[in-house]
Protein backbone atom coordinates (compact mmCIF):
# COMPACT_ATOMS: atom_id res chain seq x y z
CA MET A 1 -19.26 -12.49 -10.28
CA CYS A 2 -18.32 -10.58 -7.12
CA LYS A 3 -15.70 -7.87 -7.60
CA LYS A 4 -12.56 -8.03 -5.47
CA ILE A 5 -10.34 -5.48 -3.81
CA LEU A 6 -6.84 -6.45 -2.67
CA TYR A 7 -5.71 -4.20 0.17
CA VAL A 8 -2.00 -4.06 1.10
CA HIS A 9 -1.32 -2.73 4.58
CA GLY A 10 1.47 -0.48 5.77
CA PHE A 11 4.39 -1.08 8.10
CA ALA A 12 3.63 -2.71 11.48
CA SER A 13 0.02 -3.29 10.46
CA SER A 14 -2.00 -6.27 9.26
CA GLY A 15 -4.88 -7.41 7.12
CA SER A 16 -7.26 -6.61 10.00
CA SER A 17 -6.47 -2.89 10.16
CA GLY A 18 -9.09 -0.19 10.55
CA THR A 19 -8.82 0.64 6.83
CA VAL A 20 -9.68 -2.96 5.91
CA MET A 21 -12.70 -2.89 8.23
CA ALA A 22 -13.84 0.43 6.70
CA LEU A 23 -13.48 -0.92 3.15
CA ARG A 24 -15.55 -3.99 4.08
CA ARG A 25 -18.27 -1.77 5.56
CA HIS A 26 -18.43 0.39 2.42
CA PHE A 27 -18.15 -2.44 -0.11
CA LYS A 28 -20.46 -5.13 1.24
CA ASP A 29 -21.08 -6.38 -2.30
CA MET A 30 -17.33 -6.89 -2.93
CA ARG A 31 -14.74 -9.20 -1.46
CA VAL A 32 -11.89 -7.37 0.30
CA VAL A 33 -8.78 -9.56 0.41
CA ALA A 34 -6.16 -8.33 2.90
CA PRO A 35 -3.28 -10.67 3.75
CA ASP A 36 -0.81 -10.16 6.59
CA LEU A 37 2.50 -9.41 4.91
CA PRO A 38 5.81 -11.00 5.85
CA LEU A 39 8.52 -8.61 7.09
CA ASP A 40 10.94 -9.36 4.27
CA PRO A 41 10.09 -7.16 1.25
CA PHE A 42 10.90 -9.82 -1.36
CA GLU A 43 8.78 -12.41 0.45
CA ALA A 44 5.98 -9.83 0.66
CA MET A 45 6.16 -9.16 -3.09
CA ASP A 46 6.13 -12.88 -3.88
CA MET A 47 3.06 -13.30 -1.67
CA LEU A 48 1.28 -10.37 -3.34
CA ARG A 49 2.02 -11.60 -6.86
CA GLU A 50 0.72 -15.04 -5.93
CA CYS A 51 -2.36 -13.47 -4.35
CA ILE A 52 -3.05 -11.52 -7.56
CA ALA A 53 -2.65 -14.67 -9.66
CA ILE A 54 -5.10 -16.59 -7.45
CA GLU A 55 -7.63 -13.89 -6.49
CA LYS A 56 -7.55 -11.81 -9.70
CA PRO A 57 -8.58 -8.57 -7.94
CA ASP A 58 -10.33 -5.80 -9.84
CA ILE A 59 -8.24 -3.20 -8.00
CA VAL A 60 -5.28 -3.20 -5.62
CA ILE A 61 -4.85 -0.55 -2.92
CA GLY A 62 -1.76 -0.02 -0.79
CA THR A 63 -0.97 2.46 1.95
CA SER A 64 2.49 3.66 3.01
CA MET A 65 4.82 0.63 2.79
CA GLY A 66 1.95 -1.19 1.08
CA GLY A 67 1.89 1.63 -1.48
CA MET A 68 5.53 0.94 -2.28
CA TYR A 69 4.67 -2.71 -2.91
CA VAL A 70 1.51 -1.94 -4.91
CA GLN A 71 3.39 0.51 -7.15
CA GLN A 72 5.43 -2.50 -8.35
CA LEU A 73 2.46 -4.77 -9.14
CA TRP A 74 2.38 -4.24 -12.88
CA GLY A 75 -0.66 -5.05 -14.98
CA VAL A 76 -3.44 -4.32 -12.45
CA ARG A 77 -5.40 -1.19 -11.64
CA ARG A 78 -4.07 0.21 -8.42
CA ILE A 79 -4.19 3.05 -5.92
CA VAL A 80 -1.21 3.98 -3.77
CA VAL A 81 -1.91 6.10 -0.69
CA ASN A 82 1.02 8.03 0.79
CA PRO A 83 3.49 5.49 -0.65
CA SER A 84 6.73 5.09 1.28
CA PHE A 85 9.32 4.57 -1.46
CA GLU A 86 12.28 4.75 0.95
CA MET A 87 11.40 2.20 3.61
CA SER A 88 15.06 1.51 4.37
CA ARG A 89 15.53 5.11 5.45
CA SER A 90 12.28 5.14 7.44
CA LEU A 91 13.36 2.01 9.31
CA LEU A 92 16.75 3.46 10.22
CA PHE A 93 15.17 6.49 11.86
CA GLY A 94 13.18 5.26 14.83
CA LYS A 95 12.19 1.70 13.92
CA MET A 96 15.34 -0.32 14.67
CA GLY A 97 14.98 -3.03 17.29
CA ARG A 98 11.77 -4.44 18.70
CA ASN A 99 8.42 -3.09 17.46
CA LYS A 100 4.78 -3.90 18.16
CA TYR A 101 2.17 -4.61 15.51
CA MET A 102 -0.62 -2.01 15.49
CA SER A 103 -3.37 -4.51 14.62
CA LYS A 104 -4.06 -8.18 15.19
CA ARG A 105 -2.35 -10.65 12.87
CA LYS A 106 -3.64 -14.09 11.90
CA ASP A 107 -0.46 -15.78 13.14
CA GLY A 108 -0.91 -14.21 16.59
CA ALA A 109 2.39 -12.32 16.44
CA THR A 110 2.38 -9.13 18.48
CA GLU A 111 6.00 -8.04 18.03
CA PHE A 112 8.71 -8.08 15.40
CA ARG A 113 12.32 -6.98 15.10
CA VAL A 114 13.91 -4.59 12.61
CA ASP A 115 17.63 -5.20 12.10
CA LYS A 116 20.33 -4.20 9.61
CA THR A 117 19.60 -7.24 7.43
CA LEU A 118 15.97 -6.16 6.96
CA VAL A 119 17.06 -2.60 6.18
CA GLU A 120 19.48 -3.93 3.55
CA ARG A 121 16.71 -6.04 2.00
CA PHE A 122 14.56 -2.91 1.59
CA LYS A 123 17.53 -0.99 0.12
CA LEU A 124 18.00 -3.75 -2.44
CA MET A 125 14.33 -3.62 -3.45
CA GLU A 126 14.34 0.15 -3.65
CA LYS A 127 17.09 0.09 -6.29
CA SER A 128 14.78 -1.50 -8.86
CA GLN A 129 11.27 -0.65 -7.64
CA PHE A 130 10.58 1.69 -10.55
CA ASP A 131 11.90 -0.62 -13.28
CA GLY A 132 9.03 -1.60 -15.54
CA ILE A 133 7.05 1.64 -15.70
CA THR A 134 5.56 1.89 -19.19
CA PRO A 135 2.98 4.28 -20.70
CA GLN A 136 0.35 1.57 -20.06
CA GLU A 137 1.39 1.23 -16.42
CA GLN A 138 1.12 4.99 -16.05
CA GLN A 139 -2.60 4.66 -16.82
CA PHE A 140 -3.13 1.85 -14.28
CA ILE A 141 -2.16 3.81 -11.16
CA THR A 142 -3.48 6.67 -9.05
CA GLY A 143 -1.56 8.25 -6.19
CA LEU A 144 -3.32 9.81 -3.20
CA PHE A 145 -1.34 12.10 -0.92
CA GLY A 146 -2.40 13.53 2.43
CA ASP A 147 -1.79 17.27 2.55
CA LYS A 148 -0.93 16.94 6.28
CA ASP A 149 1.28 13.84 5.96
CA ARG A 150 4.32 14.31 8.24
CA VAL A 151 5.80 10.87 7.56
CA VAL A 152 6.59 10.60 3.82
CA HIS A 153 6.54 13.08 0.94
CA PHE A 154 6.77 11.38 -2.43
CA LYS A 155 4.16 13.20 -4.50
CA PRO A 156 6.83 15.02 -6.60
CA LEU A 157 8.55 11.70 -7.41
CA MET A 158 5.23 10.04 -8.24
CA GLU A 159 4.32 12.96 -10.54
CA LYS A 160 7.69 12.65 -12.29
CA LEU A 161 7.27 8.89 -12.80
CA TYR A 162 3.56 8.70 -13.62
CA GLY A 163 2.45 12.24 -14.48
CA ALA A 164 0.82 14.94 -12.36
CA GLU A 165 -2.63 13.93 -13.63
CA ARG A 166 -2.22 10.54 -11.88
CA CYS A 167 -1.63 12.16 -8.45
CA MET A 168 -4.01 14.00 -6.16
CA TRP A 169 -4.08 15.56 -2.73
CA PHE A 170 -6.61 14.74 -0.04
CA ASP A 171 -7.37 16.50 3.22
CA GLY A 172 -5.67 14.18 5.69
CA GLU A 173 -2.57 12.76 7.30
CA HIS A 174 -0.37 9.73 6.68
CA ARG A 175 -2.71 7.11 8.09
CA LEU A 176 -6.21 6.86 6.70
CA ASN A 177 -9.21 7.40 8.93
CA ASP A 178 -12.86 6.47 8.36
CA ASP A 179 -13.72 9.95 7.05
CA VAL A 180 -10.99 9.86 4.37
CA VAL A 181 -11.95 6.31 3.39
CA LYS A 182 -15.59 7.38 2.99
CA LYS A 183 -15.07 10.76 1.28
CA VAL A 184 -11.95 10.09 -0.82
CA LEU A 185 -11.06 6.43 -1.24
CA VAL A 186 -14.54 4.95 -1.74
CA PRO A 187 -15.55 7.43 -4.51
CA LEU A 188 -12.19 6.92 -6.24
CA ILE A 189 -12.56 3.13 -6.17
CA ASN A 190 -16.09 3.42 -7.52
CA SER A 191 -14.97 5.70 -10.35
CA ILE A 192 -12.16 3.33 -11.35
CA LEU A 193 -14.35 0.21 -11.22
CA GLN A 194 -17.32 1.54 -13.21
């Protein structure tokens, strides 16, 4: 049976991002599932849990906001890349109002709006996002952190929650590029799935 990767995109992105395209190029023998997430964090989590139940992925990968979601998907092997555990704060500083999606979405939407209600929804999720971490869950996750990331800095928190051995630096910034996917993410996925 074909192995599956579930990829969870970051804020203002989609399931057709450059990272998804790179993963599909590198894993032609695997199915890469990458849904467009709803704006509301609780709706996004419901969608991801349903996707896991239906697709049964071998590994789940999330970047930035997607890393925050993936961290909470207990019971599956997962990689979080530059996870943004304080989305409510990120949204308040520079994202309020109308925003444009960075990649094409299946529903054709090109813009979305961030308002106080959305910020409050993220704050509510953030209060309990680390509930459920067990010794077993600590073994199911790996955190990747760009050493030049100027957006979020949660490696110390991740090390505290999951252990320093579950976290590693890579030479890169907040957003992944093809080189990082090829040299860092692909080998890590291969090592986890063997």
